[in-house]
Amino acid sequence: MKILLIGATGTLGTAVGKTLSVRGHEVLTVGRSGGDLRHDIADPAQVAEVYAHAGQIDAVVSTAGDVPFKPVTGMLPEDYLSAFHGKVLSQIELVRQGVPRIAERGSFTLITGILAHEPIPTGSAAAMANGAVEAFVRAAAIEIAPQRINAVSPTVFTESLEDYGDYFPGVPPVGLAEVAQAYVRSVEGAQTGQIYAL
């Protein structure tokens, strides 16, 4: 399959890209600062440019989404808007613009996260964004068939415990290799409307 990978130079994107490539897929990488195509998917016009350059593809995989972390009392309206644009609208645009551009039985795999269900202090914007992405996936699945859409919802990465482990006390971490396999399951499998929680 020809797969468009968004966020390809990040920690998760790198792992997912390697896993998909090893499985024989042609992976076209997209990132703000690196990759085959350099675009910011938070801008709908740049999403259109990505699809124009990519041509016909079989699957879209997103591993990118920016959200601010601050206490609720320190958040401003623009902080929540930033989370919406950085993680929700950007991925919705990948789907909205991508439906006519991917194969008839192609798929979308988006990124959400544990904070939709297990919030942490300073994580209200991330919880909001993740919950919105999951709701969108379930809604879009019933409209875009036979194309498919799923989301991967990981906890803190084992490889990132040194930096982020203190924010997730008592929460079991997950390795990047396992998260990458959830993307494989979504891309190569047959399910739709699923949230793969890890």
Protein backbone atom coordinates (compact mmCIF):
# COMPACT_ATOMS: atom_id res chain seq x y z
CA MET A 1 0.00 0.00 0.00
CA LYS A 2 0.96 3.62 -0.48
CA ILE A 3 0.60 5.26 2.94
CA LEU A 4 0.69 8.94 3.83
CA LEU A 5 2.33 9.29 7.27
CA ILE A 6 1.75 12.55 9.14
CA GLY A 7 4.16 13.50 11.93
CA ALA A 8 6.78 11.21 10.51
CA THR A 9 9.81 12.73 12.26
CA GLY A 10 8.40 12.57 15.80
CA THR A 11 9.06 9.81 18.31
CA LEU A 12 5.93 7.85 17.42
CA GLY A 13 5.97 8.74 13.73
CA THR A 14 9.50 7.42 13.32
CA ALA A 15 8.56 4.09 14.93
CA VAL A 16 5.36 3.75 12.89
CA GLY A 17 7.14 4.65 9.66
CA LYS A 18 9.83 2.01 10.20
CA THR A 19 7.25 -0.64 11.08
CA LEU A 20 5.10 0.04 8.02
CA SER A 21 8.14 0.16 5.72
CA VAL A 22 9.45 -3.17 7.01
CA ARG A 23 6.05 -4.67 6.20
CA GLY A 24 6.52 -3.67 2.56
CA HIS A 25 4.41 -0.53 2.40
CA GLU A 26 5.45 2.57 0.48
CA VAL A 27 5.48 5.32 3.10
CA LEU A 28 5.28 8.97 2.07
CA THR A 29 6.32 11.06 5.07
CA VAL A 30 4.97 14.48 6.08
CA GLY A 31 6.28 16.79 8.80
CA ARG A 32 6.64 20.45 9.61
CA SER A 33 10.43 20.31 9.69
CA GLY A 34 11.27 17.05 7.94
CA GLY A 35 9.98 14.29 5.72
CA ASP A 36 9.26 13.83 2.02
CA LEU A 37 6.71 16.66 2.21
CA ARG A 38 7.05 19.59 4.62
CA HIS A 39 3.70 20.97 5.65
CA ASP A 40 1.82 21.98 8.79
CA ILE A 41 -1.46 20.05 8.81
CA ALA A 42 -2.94 22.49 11.32
CA ASP A 43 -3.49 24.68 8.25
CA PRO A 44 -6.30 23.30 6.02
CA ALA A 45 -4.69 24.89 2.96
CA GLN A 46 -1.50 22.92 3.63
CA VAL A 47 -3.51 19.72 4.02
CA ALA A 48 -4.81 20.35 0.50
CA GLU A 49 -1.22 20.82 -0.70
CA VAL A 50 -0.20 17.52 0.90
CA TYR A 51 -2.91 15.65 -0.96
CA ALA A 52 -2.13 17.44 -4.22
CA HIS A 53 1.51 16.32 -3.97
CA ALA A 54 0.75 12.81 -2.72
CA GLY A 55 -1.49 11.68 -5.55
CA GLN A 56 -3.54 8.51 -5.13
CA ILE A 57 -2.93 6.76 -1.80
CA ASP A 58 -4.31 3.77 0.08
CA ALA A 59 -4.12 4.94 3.68
CA VAL A 60 -3.51 8.00 5.83
CA VAL A 61 -1.79 7.59 9.18
CA SER A 62 -1.53 10.45 11.68
CA THR A 63 0.88 10.47 14.61
CA ALA A 64 0.85 14.24 15.16
CA GLY A 65 -1.11 16.57 17.39
CA ASP A 66 -0.03 19.57 19.46
CA VAL A 67 -1.81 20.64 22.65
CA PRO A 68 -0.80 23.02 25.47
CA PHE A 69 -0.47 21.77 29.05
CA LYS A 70 -1.47 24.28 31.76
CA PRO A 71 -3.72 24.33 34.82
CA VAL A 72 -7.37 25.03 33.98
CA THR A 73 -7.15 28.36 35.82
CA GLY A 74 -4.17 29.33 33.67
CA MET A 75 -5.76 28.39 30.36
CA LEU A 76 -7.01 31.07 28.02
CA PRO A 77 -9.62 30.63 25.28
CA GLU A 78 -6.85 30.69 22.70
CA ASP A 79 -5.13 27.77 24.46
CA TYR A 80 -8.19 25.57 23.96
CA LEU A 81 -8.49 26.81 20.38
CA SER A 82 -4.84 25.91 19.88
CA ALA A 83 -5.51 22.37 21.11
CA PHE A 84 -8.54 22.12 18.83
CA HIS A 85 -6.60 23.30 15.79
CA GLY A 86 -3.44 21.36 16.64
CA LYS A 87 -4.97 17.95 17.27
CA VAL A 88 -8.65 17.89 16.35
CA LEU A 89 -9.28 20.07 13.30
CA SER A 90 -5.97 19.08 11.72
CA GLN A 91 -6.95 15.40 11.80
CA ILE A 92 -10.55 16.08 10.79
CA GLU A 93 -9.20 17.92 7.75
CA LEU A 94 -7.04 14.91 6.86
CA VAL A 95 -10.22 12.86 6.69
CA ARG A 96 -12.55 15.45 5.19
CA GLN A 97 -10.16 16.30 2.38
CA GLY A 98 -8.85 12.76 2.09
CA VAL A 99 -12.08 10.85 1.47
CA PRO A 100 -12.09 11.62 -2.27
CA ARG A 101 -8.34 11.05 -2.54
CA ILE A 102 -7.78 7.63 -1.00
CA ALA A 103 -8.64 4.21 -2.38
CA GLU A 104 -12.25 3.03 -2.27
CA ARG A 105 -11.41 0.67 0.58
CA GLY A 106 -8.64 2.82 2.01
CA SER A 107 -8.29 3.83 5.64
CA PHE A 108 -7.49 6.64 8.04
CA THR A 109 -5.76 6.08 11.38
CA LEU A 110 -5.74 9.04 13.76
CA ILE A 111 -3.98 9.64 17.08
CA THR A 112 -5.73 10.32 20.37
CA GLY A 113 -4.51 9.34 23.85
CA ILE A 114 -5.18 8.09 27.34
CA LEU A 115 -6.05 11.56 28.64
CA ALA A 116 -9.48 11.30 27.01
CA HIS A 117 -10.34 8.79 29.75
CA GLU A 118 -7.63 9.17 32.39
CA PRO A 119 -6.99 12.91 32.80
CA ILE A 120 -4.02 14.38 34.60
CA PRO A 121 -3.42 17.84 36.14
CA THR A 122 -2.65 20.43 33.44
CA GLY A 123 -4.09 18.09 30.78
CA SER A 124 -7.58 19.51 30.23
CA ALA A 125 -6.85 20.68 26.68
CA ALA A 126 -5.39 17.31 25.75
CA ALA A 127 -8.36 15.51 27.32
CA MET A 128 -10.76 17.72 25.37
CA ALA A 129 -8.91 17.19 22.09
CA ASN A 130 -8.55 13.43 22.52
CA GLY A 131 -12.22 13.03 23.40
CA ALA A 132 -13.21 15.04 20.34
CA VAL A 133 -11.03 12.96 18.03
CA GLU A 134 -12.53 9.73 19.39
CA ALA A 135 -16.08 11.01 18.94
CA PHE A 136 -15.27 12.09 15.39
CA VAL A 137 -13.83 8.67 14.52
CA ARG A 138 -17.00 6.90 15.62
CA ALA A 139 -19.20 9.35 13.73
CA ALA A 140 -17.14 9.37 10.54
CA ALA A 141 -17.00 5.56 10.42
CA ILE A 142 -20.72 5.32 9.71
CA GLU A 143 -20.51 7.84 6.87
CA ILE A 144 -17.37 7.04 4.87
CA ALA A 145 -17.76 3.27 4.40
CA PRO A 146 -16.40 1.28 2.63
CA GLN A 147 -13.43 3.44 3.58
CA ARG A 148 -12.39 2.87 7.20
CA ILE A 149 -11.32 5.07 10.09
CA ASN A 150 -9.84 4.18 13.49
CA ALA A 151 -7.76 5.87 16.18
CA VAL A 152 -4.83 4.73 18.30
CA SER A 153 -4.99 5.82 21.95
CA PRO A 154 -1.70 5.14 23.75
CA THR A 155 -0.66 5.85 27.30
CA VAL A 156 2.81 7.23 28.08
CA PHE A 157 5.56 5.62 25.99
CA THR A 158 8.08 3.45 27.81
CA GLU A 159 10.78 5.26 25.85
CA SER A 160 9.55 8.63 27.18
CA LEU A 161 9.25 7.76 30.87
CA GLU A 162 12.29 9.82 31.82
CA ASP A 163 10.62 12.97 30.47
CA TYR A 164 6.92 12.31 31.14
CA GLY A 165 6.66 9.46 33.63
CA ASP A 166 6.07 11.77 36.61
CA TYR A 167 2.85 13.01 34.99
CA PHE A 168 1.45 9.46 34.87
CA PRO A 169 1.99 7.96 38.35
CA GLY A 170 0.94 4.33 38.52
CA VAL A 171 -0.06 4.22 34.85
CA PRO A 172 1.53 1.29 32.99
CA PRO A 173 3.62 2.57 30.04
CA VAL A 174 3.52 1.10 26.55
CA GLY A 175 6.43 0.53 24.18
CA LEU A 176 6.59 2.25 20.83
CA ALA A 177 6.77 -1.11 19.05
CA GLU A 178 3.41 -2.11 20.51
CA VAL A 179 1.83 1.21 19.56
CA ALA A 180 3.17 0.83 16.02
CA GLN A 181 1.48 -2.57 15.81
CA ALA A 182 -1.86 -0.91 16.58
CA TYR A 183 -1.32 1.22 13.48
CA VAL A 184 -0.58 -1.94 11.48
CA ARG A 185 -3.82 -3.44 12.79
CA SER A 186 -5.77 -0.39 11.68
CA VAL A 187 -4.15 -0.11 8.24
CA GLU A 188 -4.08 -3.78 7.30
CA GLY A 189 -7.14 -5.00 9.19
CA ALA A 190 -10.85 -4.72 8.46
CA GLN A 191 -12.26 -2.89 11.48
CA THR A 192 -13.65 0.63 11.46
CA GLY A 193 -14.83 3.07 14.10
CA GLN A 194 -12.44 1.55 16.63
CA ILE A 195 -10.32 3.20 19.31
CA TYR A 196 -7.28 1.01 19.93
CA ALA A 197 -6.40 1.77 23.55
CA LEU A 198 -2.90 0.75 24.71
